[in-house]
Amino acid sequence: MKFIESNAGTTGEPVKLLVHEVGQGKPALFITGWPLSHEMWEYQFNVLPKHGIRCISYDRRGFGHSDKPWSGYDYDTLAADLNAVIEALDLHDVTLVGFSMGGGEVVRYLSTYGSERVSRAVLISSVVPYMLKTEDNPEGLPQEMFDEFVQQIEDDRPKFLAGFAKSFYGNSLLNNAVSDEILTWHGGLALQASGRATTQCIRSFSATDFRNEVSLLDVPVLIIHGESDKTVPIDASSERTSDMLPGAEYIIYEGAPHGLFITHKERLNENLVQFINQEVVTISNPYTDIVT
């Protein structure tokens, strides 16, 4: 593990971001979901390096072992942090893999910094294109729901996160999708974050509108989403993103919850290996010039 500095944000204060990487080969940079750290990718990082993939992730500012500043949780700043990691590691031909909130960072990075260093992108259980219900976005989720999340976190963050984890993985009285130990592990990762970062990122991923950016993506895109995702409902997110990117590869996991990187890890790993290791023949049309 190492730390890199990002000078993103309005204060100009450098923020140290923890970066973890394993393996050699084609680089793939994994952007975490809220409210976890790079350690959420354990079951991908255990497998993908066996297939010639260099796996890299980092803790978003405010989370894991990265610095926890008071501000800088808007997507412009978070995308600038992502850019700082890419430049510090001098990554080229990299696949960006964004989970949930991390899908927004992938889209904002590509719309702001371009795809010169990026060969392809993966959006998993992503919040893209726009989560908030408004007059021109009736498919979104109500503001009151996100306000209630913030209130519960400010009242009792550990209790909220424990309940949230069950829905995240689809656990219920009739379905133990993951073990109690996985839920405890998840809670430990989530509690590494600051309370401030946890609530501010809710505001960012709920209220940021990516609709004008998604269609601008000019690299091959893989979209993966669980049909039974209660955290980021598929109809409000990836169904719409796939309509905006008709050339993207779109895979729906039947019965899968939000946290499919655990519950469906074998299938996800297989899909990631296949997509990352594809070769692009030409760049004239990134969606039709792919061969396996």
Protein backbone atom coordinates (compact mmCIF):
# COMPACT_ATOMS: atom_id res chain seq x y z
CA MET A 1 0.00 0.00 0.00
CA LYS A 2 1.05 3.59 -0.61
CA PHE A 3 -0.34 7.09 -0.30
CA ILE A 4 -0.66 9.63 -3.09
CA GLU A 5 -1.55 13.29 -2.67
CA SER A 6 -4.44 15.03 -4.34
CA ASN A 7 -4.72 18.81 -4.35
CA ALA A 8 -8.33 18.72 -5.52
CA GLY A 9 -10.96 20.75 -3.74
CA THR A 10 -11.67 24.40 -3.09
CA THR A 11 -9.32 24.67 -0.11
CA GLY A 12 -6.25 23.56 -2.06
CA GLU A 13 -5.18 21.46 0.92
CA PRO A 14 -3.43 18.25 -0.16
CA VAL A 15 -5.33 15.11 0.78
CA LYS A 16 -3.53 11.79 1.13
CA LEU A 17 -5.31 8.87 -0.52
CA LEU A 18 -4.43 5.29 0.32
CA VAL A 19 -3.77 3.23 -2.81
CA HIS A 20 -3.61 -0.57 -2.93
CA GLU A 21 -2.61 -2.67 -5.92
CA VAL A 22 -1.85 -6.29 -6.65
CA GLY A 23 -0.87 -8.26 -9.75
CA GLN A 24 0.68 -7.41 -13.09
CA GLY A 25 -0.74 -6.96 -16.56
CA LYS A 26 -3.59 -4.86 -17.88
CA PRO A 27 -4.43 -2.19 -15.31
CA ALA A 28 -7.93 -2.01 -13.85
CA LEU A 29 -8.74 0.75 -11.36
CA PHE A 30 -11.62 -0.09 -9.01
CA ILE A 31 -13.61 2.80 -7.49
CA THR A 32 -15.41 1.88 -4.30
CA GLY A 33 -19.03 2.16 -3.32
CA TRP A 34 -20.47 4.12 -0.43
CA PRO A 35 -19.70 3.76 2.45
CA LEU A 36 -16.89 1.23 2.03
CA SER A 37 -13.12 1.19 1.42
CA HIS A 38 -10.86 -0.49 -1.13
CA GLU A 39 -11.14 -3.68 0.93
CA MET A 40 -14.62 -4.30 -0.47
CA TRP A 41 -12.88 -5.66 -3.60
CA GLU A 42 -11.15 -8.52 -1.75
CA TYR A 43 -12.86 -11.28 -3.74
CA GLN A 44 -12.00 -9.62 -7.04
CA PHE A 45 -8.39 -8.89 -6.11
CA ASN A 46 -7.95 -12.53 -5.06
CA VAL A 47 -8.89 -13.76 -8.55
CA LEU A 48 -8.32 -11.23 -11.33
CA PRO A 49 -4.51 -11.06 -11.02
CA LYS A 50 -4.46 -14.77 -11.96
CA HIS A 51 -5.75 -13.66 -15.36
CA GLY A 52 -3.12 -11.04 -16.13
CA ILE A 53 -4.93 -8.08 -14.61
CA ARG A 54 -3.22 -5.49 -12.41
CA CYS A 55 -5.86 -4.60 -9.83
CA ILE A 56 -5.71 -1.13 -8.25
CA SER A 57 -8.04 0.58 -5.82
CA TYR A 58 -7.94 3.48 -3.40
CA ASP A 59 -9.88 4.76 -0.45
CA ARG A 60 -12.06 7.70 -1.41
CA ARG A 61 -11.31 10.83 0.64
CA GLY A 62 -13.16 10.56 3.95
CA PHE A 63 -13.23 6.75 3.85
CA GLY A 64 -10.98 3.86 4.80
CA HIS A 65 -7.45 4.99 5.62
CA SER A 66 -7.40 8.09 3.43
CA ASP A 67 -7.44 11.58 4.90
CA LYS A 68 -10.81 12.78 6.12
CA PRO A 69 -11.21 16.48 5.32
CA TRP A 70 -14.33 18.48 6.14
CA SER A 71 -15.13 19.29 2.51
CA GLY A 72 -14.55 18.03 -1.00
CA TYR A 73 -17.24 15.37 -1.40
CA ASP A 74 -18.75 16.75 -4.60
CA TYR A 75 -18.19 14.78 -7.79
CA ASP A 76 -15.92 17.36 -9.39
CA THR A 77 -13.50 17.00 -6.49
CA LEU A 78 -13.88 13.22 -6.30
CA ALA A 79 -13.17 12.92 -10.03
CA ALA A 80 -10.12 15.12 -9.56
CA ASP A 81 -8.94 12.72 -6.84
CA LEU A 82 -9.39 9.86 -9.30
CA ASN A 83 -7.37 11.80 -11.85
CA ALA A 84 -4.63 12.35 -9.26
CA VAL A 85 -4.39 8.58 -8.70
CA ILE A 86 -4.25 7.86 -12.44
CA GLU A 87 -1.54 10.45 -13.00
CA ALA A 88 0.51 9.50 -9.94
CA LEU A 89 0.58 5.86 -11.08
CA ASP A 90 1.02 6.95 -14.73
CA LEU A 91 -1.75 4.61 -15.84
CA HIS A 92 -2.51 4.09 -19.50
CA ASP A 93 -4.93 1.73 -21.24
CA VAL A 94 -6.71 1.40 -17.89
CA THR A 95 -10.17 -0.02 -17.29
CA LEU A 96 -12.20 2.02 -14.81
CA VAL A 97 -14.53 -0.08 -12.67
CA GLY A 98 -17.03 1.93 -10.65
CA PHE A 99 -19.40 0.38 -8.12
CA SER A 100 -22.56 2.21 -7.01
CA MET A 101 -21.43 5.75 -6.09
CA GLY A 102 -18.16 5.00 -7.89
CA GLY A 103 -20.00 4.85 -11.20
CA GLY A 104 -20.50 8.58 -10.90
CA GLU A 105 -16.79 9.15 -10.53
CA VAL A 106 -16.15 7.09 -13.67
CA VAL A 107 -18.61 9.16 -15.71
CA ARG A 108 -17.49 12.52 -14.31
CA TYR A 109 -13.83 11.64 -14.86
CA LEU A 110 -14.40 10.69 -18.50
CA SER A 111 -16.56 13.75 -19.22
CA THR A 112 -14.01 16.07 -17.60
CA TYR A 113 -10.59 14.56 -18.36
CA GLY A 114 -11.33 12.49 -21.45
CA SER A 115 -10.38 8.94 -22.32
CA GLU A 116 -6.76 9.34 -23.37
CA ARG A 117 -5.61 7.10 -20.52
CA VAL A 118 -8.75 4.92 -20.38
CA SER A 119 -9.51 1.95 -22.62
CA ARG A 120 -12.91 0.88 -21.22
CA ALA A 121 -15.30 1.36 -18.32
CA VAL A 122 -17.47 -0.85 -16.11
CA LEU A 123 -20.50 0.41 -14.18
CA ILE A 124 -21.64 -2.02 -11.46
CA SER A 125 -24.84 -1.37 -9.47
CA SER A 126 -24.24 2.25 -10.44
CA VAL A 127 -26.13 5.36 -9.31
CA VAL A 128 -25.82 6.79 -12.82
CA PRO A 129 -27.61 8.61 -14.46
CA TYR A 130 -29.62 10.46 -11.76
CA MET A 131 -30.97 9.17 -8.48
CA LEU A 132 -33.16 12.05 -7.27
CA LYS A 133 -36.85 12.29 -8.09
CA THR A 134 -37.67 15.66 -9.67
CA GLU A 135 -40.28 16.98 -12.07
CA ASP A 136 -38.11 16.05 -15.04
CA ASN A 137 -36.86 12.85 -13.41
CA PRO A 138 -39.96 11.05 -12.11
CA GLU A 139 -38.16 7.67 -12.08
CA GLY A 140 -35.86 8.83 -9.28
CA LEU A 141 -36.08 8.35 -5.53
CA PRO A 142 -37.67 10.94 -3.21
CA GLN A 143 -35.61 13.58 -1.44
CA GLU A 144 -37.28 12.64 1.84
CA MET A 145 -35.70 9.20 1.75
CA PHE A 146 -32.18 10.61 1.49
CA ASP A 147 -32.95 13.19 4.18
CA GLU A 148 -34.04 10.38 6.48
CA PHE A 149 -30.82 8.48 5.80
CA VAL A 150 -28.78 11.53 6.81
CA GLN A 151 -30.84 12.04 9.95
CA GLN A 152 -30.46 8.42 11.02
CA ILE A 153 -26.71 8.52 10.43
CA GLU A 154 -26.37 11.69 12.47
CA ASP A 155 -28.44 10.11 15.26
CA ASP A 156 -26.80 6.65 15.39
CA ARG A 157 -24.43 5.86 12.53
CA PRO A 158 -23.49 2.31 13.64
CA LYS A 159 -27.15 1.31 13.98
CA PHE A 160 -28.07 2.74 10.58
CA LEU A 161 -25.14 1.05 8.85
CA ALA A 162 -25.96 -2.33 10.42
CA GLY A 163 -29.48 -2.21 9.05
CA PHE A 164 -28.35 -0.83 5.72
CA ALA A 165 -25.91 -3.72 5.24
CA LYS A 166 -28.73 -6.29 5.40
CA SER A 167 -30.62 -4.59 2.58
CA PHE A 168 -27.34 -4.03 0.70
CA TYR A 169 -26.80 -7.80 0.40
CA GLY A 170 -30.44 -8.85 0.33
CA ASN A 171 -30.53 -10.48 3.74
CA SER A 172 -33.96 -11.04 5.29
CA LEU A 173 -35.73 -13.42 7.66
CA LEU A 174 -36.18 -15.86 4.79
CA ASN A 175 -32.91 -15.30 2.95
CA ASN A 176 -29.40 -15.24 4.41
CA ALA A 177 -27.65 -14.12 1.25
CA VAL A 178 -24.43 -13.51 3.17
CA SER A 179 -23.22 -14.65 6.57
CA ASP A 180 -23.43 -12.64 9.76
CA GLU A 181 -19.65 -12.44 9.60
CA ILE A 182 -19.81 -10.72 6.20
CA LEU A 183 -22.26 -8.21 7.65
CA THR A 184 -19.90 -7.54 10.56
CA TRP A 185 -16.98 -7.13 8.14
CA HIS A 186 -19.02 -4.72 6.02
CA GLY A 187 -19.92 -2.68 9.09
CA GLY A 188 -16.29 -2.45 10.14
CA LEU A 189 -15.26 -1.10 6.74
CA ALA A 190 -18.11 1.41 6.74
CA LEU A 191 -17.25 2.70 10.20
CA GLN A 192 -13.72 3.55 9.07
CA ALA A 193 -15.27 6.54 7.29
CA SER A 194 -15.92 9.86 8.98
CA GLY A 195 -19.50 10.73 9.77
CA ARG A 196 -19.14 13.92 7.75
CA ALA A 197 -17.97 12.07 4.63
CA THR A 198 -20.74 9.51 5.04
CA THR A 199 -23.53 12.09 4.99
CA GLN A 200 -21.97 14.43 2.44
CA CYS A 201 -21.56 11.62 -0.06
CA ILE A 202 -25.25 10.79 0.28
CA ARG A 203 -25.96 14.35 -0.83
CA SER A 204 -23.59 13.97 -3.76
CA PHE A 205 -24.71 10.62 -5.16
CA SER A 206 -28.41 11.41 -4.69
CA ALA A 207 -28.43 14.89 -6.21
CA THR A 208 -25.82 14.79 -9.00
CA ASP A 209 -27.30 14.64 -12.48
CA PHE A 210 -25.13 12.71 -14.97
CA ARG A 211 -27.73 12.54 -17.75
CA ASN A 212 -25.89 14.96 -20.03
CA GLU A 213 -22.59 13.15 -19.51
CA VAL A 214 -23.44 9.48 -19.97
CA SER A 215 -24.02 9.67 -23.72
CA LEU A 216 -20.62 11.33 -24.17
CA LEU A 217 -18.67 8.24 -23.10
CA ASP A 218 -16.39 7.21 -25.96
CA VAL A 219 -14.94 3.94 -24.65
CA PRO A 220 -16.50 0.46 -24.53
CA VAL A 221 -18.80 0.19 -21.50
CA LEU A 222 -20.01 -2.81 -19.53
CA ILE A 223 -23.07 -2.28 -17.32
CA ILE A 224 -23.89 -4.83 -14.60
CA HIS A 225 -26.81 -4.58 -12.20
CA GLY A 226 -28.79 -6.84 -9.90
CA GLU A 227 -32.45 -7.30 -10.75
CA SER A 228 -33.39 -7.27 -7.04
CA ASP A 229 -31.25 -4.28 -6.02
CA LYS A 230 -33.16 -2.42 -3.28
CA THR A 231 -30.39 0.12 -2.65
CA VAL A 232 -30.08 1.46 -6.21
CA PRO A 233 -33.18 0.17 -8.02
CA ILE A 234 -32.33 -1.02 -11.51
CA ASP A 235 -35.25 0.78 -13.20
CA ALA A 236 -34.04 4.15 -11.92
CA SER A 237 -30.42 3.56 -12.85
CA SER A 238 -28.86 1.01 -15.18
CA GLU A 239 -31.99 0.46 -17.26
CA ARG A 240 -31.86 4.13 -18.16
CA THR A 241 -28.09 4.19 -18.59
CA SER A 242 -28.27 1.28 -21.03
CA ASP A 243 -30.85 3.23 -23.07
CA MET A 244 -28.45 6.16 -23.23
CA LEU A 245 -25.60 3.85 -24.31
CA PRO A 246 -27.21 1.47 -26.81
CA GLY A 247 -23.80 0.06 -27.78
CA ALA A 248 -22.87 -0.87 -24.22
CA GLU A 249 -22.85 -4.45 -23.01
CA TYR A 250 -25.61 -4.77 -20.41
CA ILE A 251 -25.83 -7.75 -18.06
CA ILE A 252 -28.66 -8.18 -15.54
CA TYR A 253 -28.07 -10.57 -12.66
CA GLU A 254 -31.41 -12.18 -11.89
CA GLY A 255 -32.29 -12.04 -8.21
CA ALA A 256 -29.07 -10.23 -7.30
CA PRO A 257 -28.97 -7.49 -4.63
CA HIS A 258 -26.84 -4.36 -4.58
CA GLY A 259 -23.79 -6.04 -3.07
CA LEU A 260 -23.33 -8.53 -5.89
CA PHE A 261 -19.53 -8.22 -5.67
CA ILE A 262 -19.97 -10.63 -2.73
CA THR A 263 -23.20 -12.51 -3.43
CA HIS A 264 -22.36 -13.17 -7.10
CA LYS A 265 -18.60 -12.84 -6.94
CA GLU A 266 -17.80 -15.80 -9.22
CA ARG A 267 -20.03 -14.54 -12.02
CA LEU A 268 -18.81 -10.97 -11.59
CA ASN A 269 -15.18 -12.04 -11.71
CA GLU A 270 -15.82 -14.01 -14.88
CA ASN A 271 -17.54 -11.06 -16.55
CA LEU A 272 -14.77 -8.67 -15.52
CA VAL A 273 -11.97 -10.91 -16.75
CA GLN A 274 -13.67 -11.37 -20.10
CA PHE A 275 -14.39 -7.67 -20.59
CA ILE A 276 -11.04 -6.31 -19.39
CA ASN A 277 -9.09 -8.78 -21.51
CA GLN A 278 -10.97 -8.04 -24.71
CA GLU A 279 -9.01 -6.42 -27.52
CA VAL A 280 -10.20 -3.33 -29.38
CA VAL A 281 -9.47 -3.70 -33.08
CA THR A 282 -10.04 -0.06 -34.04
CA ILE A 283 -11.31 3.03 -32.25
CA SER A 284 -13.68 4.33 -34.92
CA ASN A 285 -16.67 2.85 -33.09
CA PRO A 286 -15.85 1.65 -29.57
CA TYR A 287 -19.04 -0.42 -29.29
CA THR A 288 -18.79 -2.43 -32.50
CA ASP A 289 -15.06 -2.92 -32.89
CA ILE A 290 -14.59 -5.35 -30.02
CA VAL A 291 -13.57 -8.94 -30.50
CA THR A 292 -13.17 -11.61 -27.86
